[in-house]
Amino acid sequence: MNKDLKEIEDYLLVIDMVNGFVKEGPLADPYISRLIPLQKKLIEYYMRASKREVAFVKESHNEQSREFKDFPPHCINGTQEAMLVDELIRYENKARQYLKNSTSVIFAPNFLDDLEKLKSLKRLIITGCCTDICVLNAAIPLINYFNQKDKDVEVVVPQDLVDTYHIPHVHEREEYNNMAFTLMKQAGVNTEMPKDIQKVLTR
């Protein structure tokens, strides 16, 4: 059961750990699955605590999605690609979910409404993929949102908890990760691993 958002101090967003980016389809890269064991530890840690909450952000396009002019068709709502990876699906009904038809969760139904309800929020941590697309397009707008509202909320994207896909000579993983981290740091995103999270992940 979802917790009362007014009481949440620490929010975990798990972005696009769906089959279409990890296991099958034109944008999938199995290398991203290396994140799953760490994510499981973190999700369980957040679900046990009363003032922490978990949300899954899932790519869920309609068949005529405007985004398909820029990317090949992927993660169409109702298909296997749009489903959470099997390793995380057991947590799905215990967490919040946001379905997005773009590269940014900010505009997903109910997301901004829920942000408004997070009156006690102190930190928001992002894990998932892809660093330079959906993660970047969540983290920087979140910084902008909290600045606009004069809310002192730390947005954290630990470098060991996100990754992007690799296509040789087209989309080089290391290059695009580095670019994304540079842009996020400049915007005020913390890309270091918090000490309390590091302890959880090394248990």
Protein backbone atom coordinates (compact mmCIF):
# COMPACT_ATOMS: atom_id res chain seq x y z
CA MET A 1 0.00 0.00 0.00
CA ASN A 2 1.27 3.47 -0.91
CA LYS A 3 2.31 5.73 1.95
CA ASP A 4 0.97 9.20 2.67
CA LEU A 5 2.96 11.54 0.44
CA LYS A 6 2.74 14.38 2.96
CA GLU A 7 4.94 12.36 5.33
CA ILE A 8 7.56 11.24 2.80
CA GLU A 9 11.06 12.67 3.32
CA ASP A 10 13.04 10.49 0.90
CA TYR A 11 11.72 9.45 -2.51
CA LEU A 12 13.25 6.85 -4.86
CA LEU A 13 12.46 7.06 -8.59
CA VAL A 14 13.29 3.91 -10.57
CA ILE A 15 13.29 5.06 -14.19
CA ASP A 16 12.60 2.84 -17.22
CA MET A 17 13.74 -0.53 -15.92
CA VAL A 18 11.41 -2.07 -18.46
CA ASN A 19 12.06 -4.87 -20.93
CA GLY A 20 12.27 -2.45 -23.85
CA PHE A 21 15.42 -0.84 -22.46
CA VAL A 22 16.98 -3.87 -20.81
CA LYS A 23 15.98 -7.14 -22.47
CA GLU A 24 14.26 -6.83 -25.85
CA GLY A 25 13.47 -4.35 -28.59
CA PRO A 26 15.41 -1.81 -30.70
CA LEU A 27 16.59 0.28 -27.72
CA ALA A 28 17.38 -2.55 -25.29
CA ASP A 29 20.87 -3.04 -23.90
CA PRO A 30 21.30 -6.07 -21.59
CA TYR A 31 24.30 -4.38 -19.96
CA ILE A 32 21.85 -2.16 -18.08
CA SER A 33 20.65 -5.25 -16.17
CA ARG A 34 23.80 -4.90 -14.03
CA LEU A 35 21.86 -2.26 -12.07
CA ILE A 36 19.13 -4.67 -10.97
CA PRO A 37 20.82 -6.28 -7.90
CA LEU A 38 21.63 -2.85 -6.48
CA GLN A 39 18.12 -1.59 -7.24
CA LYS A 40 16.55 -4.54 -5.43
CA LYS A 41 18.52 -3.75 -2.27
CA LEU A 42 17.58 -0.10 -2.47
CA ILE A 43 13.90 -0.74 -3.19
CA GLU A 44 13.59 -3.12 -0.24
CA TYR A 45 15.34 -0.60 2.03
CA TYR A 46 12.93 2.16 0.99
CA MET A 47 9.87 -0.03 1.29
CA ARG A 48 10.70 -0.97 4.89
CA ALA A 49 10.91 2.64 6.10
CA SER A 50 7.87 4.72 6.99
CA LYS A 51 9.09 8.04 5.56
CA ARG A 52 10.53 6.67 2.34
CA GLU A 53 8.66 5.89 -0.86
CA VAL A 54 9.40 4.13 -4.15
CA ALA A 55 8.02 4.93 -7.59
CA PHE A 56 8.51 3.14 -10.87
CA VAL A 57 8.61 5.30 -13.97
CA LYS A 58 7.72 3.27 -17.05
CA GLU A 59 7.89 4.15 -20.74
CA SER A 60 4.40 3.53 -22.09
CA HIS A 61 3.83 4.87 -25.59
CA ASN A 62 0.72 4.91 -27.68
CA GLU A 63 1.10 3.48 -31.19
CA GLN A 64 1.12 6.94 -32.80
CA SER A 65 3.57 8.46 -30.33
CA ARG A 66 5.24 11.65 -31.57
CA GLU A 67 8.48 10.35 -30.07
CA PHE A 68 8.68 7.71 -32.80
CA LYS A 69 9.78 10.44 -35.21
CA ASP A 70 13.03 10.61 -33.25
CA PHE A 71 13.38 7.03 -31.96
CA PRO A 72 12.28 3.66 -33.36
CA PRO A 73 8.93 2.41 -32.01
CA HIS A 74 9.45 0.96 -28.54
CA CYS A 75 7.68 0.24 -25.25
CA ILE A 76 4.16 0.45 -26.66
CA ASN A 77 1.54 0.26 -23.93
CA GLY A 78 0.29 -3.29 -23.41
CA THR A 79 3.34 -4.99 -24.92
CA GLN A 80 6.07 -6.97 -23.20
CA GLU A 81 8.54 -4.15 -23.84
CA ALA A 82 6.53 -1.76 -21.67
CA MET A 83 6.53 -4.14 -18.69
CA LEU A 84 8.88 -3.89 -15.74
CA VAL A 85 11.73 -6.42 -15.86
CA ASP A 86 10.89 -9.72 -14.18
CA GLU A 87 13.43 -9.19 -11.39
CA LEU A 88 11.60 -6.07 -10.16
CA ILE A 89 8.00 -6.93 -10.94
CA ARG A 90 7.31 -8.34 -7.46
CA TYR A 91 7.69 -4.80 -6.07
CA GLU A 92 5.38 -3.18 -8.60
CA ASN A 93 2.13 -3.31 -6.63
CA LYS A 94 3.82 -1.93 -3.50
CA ALA A 95 5.09 1.20 -5.22
CA ARG A 96 3.72 4.19 -7.08
CA GLN A 97 3.80 4.14 -10.86
CA TYR A 98 4.07 6.83 -13.49
CA LEU A 99 3.54 6.00 -17.16
CA LYS A 100 5.17 8.38 -19.61
CA ASN A 101 4.75 8.97 -23.33
CA SER A 102 7.88 11.14 -23.56
CA THR A 103 11.46 11.16 -22.32
CA SER A 104 10.49 13.08 -19.17
CA VAL A 105 8.46 11.83 -16.22
CA ILE A 106 7.69 15.45 -15.33
CA PHE A 107 4.77 15.43 -17.76
CA ALA A 108 3.48 11.94 -16.92
CA PRO A 109 -0.09 11.86 -15.56
CA ASN A 110 -0.26 12.62 -11.81
CA PHE A 111 3.48 13.22 -11.39
CA LEU A 112 3.35 16.98 -10.84
CA ASP A 113 0.26 16.59 -8.66
CA ASP A 114 2.14 14.14 -6.46
CA LEU A 115 5.18 16.44 -6.27
CA GLU A 116 2.91 19.13 -4.83
CA LYS A 117 1.84 16.72 -2.08
CA LEU A 118 5.42 15.97 -0.97
CA LYS A 119 5.42 18.63 1.75
CA SER A 120 8.14 16.99 3.87
CA LEU A 121 10.46 15.91 1.05
CA LYS A 122 14.19 16.38 1.69
CA ARG A 123 15.80 14.11 -0.90
CA LEU A 124 14.90 12.48 -4.20
CA ILE A 125 17.15 9.74 -5.59
CA ILE A 126 17.05 8.54 -9.19
CA THR A 127 18.19 5.16 -10.48
CA GLY A 128 17.65 3.53 -13.86
CA CYS A 129 18.18 4.41 -17.51
CA CYS A 130 19.00 6.07 -19.74
CA THR A 131 21.45 8.48 -18.09
CA ASP A 132 21.56 10.96 -20.97
CA ILE A 133 17.90 10.82 -21.92
CA CYS A 134 15.17 9.92 -19.43
CA VAL A 135 17.31 10.27 -16.29
CA LEU A 136 18.70 13.64 -17.40
CA ASN A 137 15.22 14.79 -18.42
CA ALA A 138 13.92 13.96 -14.96
CA ALA A 139 16.76 15.26 -12.82
CA ILE A 140 17.27 18.74 -14.29
CA PRO A 141 13.55 19.60 -14.49
CA LEU A 142 13.21 18.44 -10.88
CA ILE A 143 15.98 20.85 -9.86
CA ASN A 144 14.14 23.59 -11.75
CA TYR A 145 10.85 22.68 -10.08
CA PHE A 146 12.27 22.76 -6.56
CA ASN A 147 14.12 26.02 -7.26
CA GLN A 148 10.94 27.61 -8.58
CA LYS A 149 9.13 26.57 -5.40
CA ASP A 150 12.09 27.55 -3.16
CA LYS A 151 12.06 24.03 -1.73
CA ASP A 152 15.34 22.75 -0.32
CA VAL A 153 15.24 19.24 -1.82
CA GLU A 154 18.40 17.40 -2.82
CA VAL A 155 18.17 15.64 -6.19
CA VAL A 156 20.67 12.77 -6.35
CA VAL A 157 21.68 10.65 -9.35
CA PRO A 158 24.44 8.34 -8.07
CA GLN A 159 26.72 7.43 -10.96
CA ASP A 160 26.76 3.75 -9.99
CA LEU A 161 22.96 3.50 -10.08
CA VAL A 162 22.27 4.70 -13.63
CA ASP A 163 23.48 3.75 -17.10
CA THR A 164 22.75 4.21 -20.77
CA TYR A 165 22.79 2.04 -23.88
CA HIS A 166 25.74 1.48 -26.18
CA ILE A 167 25.81 1.45 -29.97
CA PRO A 168 29.39 1.50 -31.33
CA HIS A 169 30.24 4.73 -33.20
CA VAL A 170 26.65 5.96 -32.74
CA HIS A 171 25.92 6.17 -29.01
CA GLU A 172 29.06 5.49 -27.00
CA ARG A 173 28.10 4.58 -23.43
CA GLU A 174 31.03 6.23 -21.66
CA GLU A 175 30.85 9.42 -23.72
CA TYR A 176 27.11 9.93 -23.19
CA ASN A 177 27.25 9.05 -19.51
CA ASN A 178 30.03 11.59 -18.96
CA MET A 179 28.16 14.25 -20.90
CA ALA A 180 24.99 13.67 -18.89
CA PHE A 181 26.78 13.76 -15.53
CA THR A 182 28.50 17.02 -16.48
CA LEU A 183 25.21 18.66 -17.41
CA MET A 184 23.46 17.41 -14.28
CA LYS A 185 26.26 18.60 -12.00
CA GLN A 186 26.15 22.04 -13.60
CA ALA A 187 22.42 22.18 -12.92
CA GLY A 188 22.84 21.33 -9.23
CA VAL A 189 22.22 17.57 -9.25
CA ASN A 190 24.35 15.58 -6.80
CA THR A 191 25.96 12.67 -8.66
CA GLU A 192 27.85 11.23 -5.69
CA MET A 193 26.71 8.12 -3.81
CA PRO A 194 25.17 9.10 -0.43
CA LYS A 195 26.89 7.39 2.49
CA ASP A 196 23.68 5.89 3.87
CA ILE A 197 22.84 4.42 0.46
CA GLN A 198 26.35 3.04 0.06
CA LYS A 199 25.93 1.18 3.35
CA VAL A 200 22.69 -0.36 2.14
CA LEU A 201 24.23 -1.48 -1.14
CA THR A 202 27.27 -3.11 0.46
CA ARG A 203 25.37 -5.19 3.01
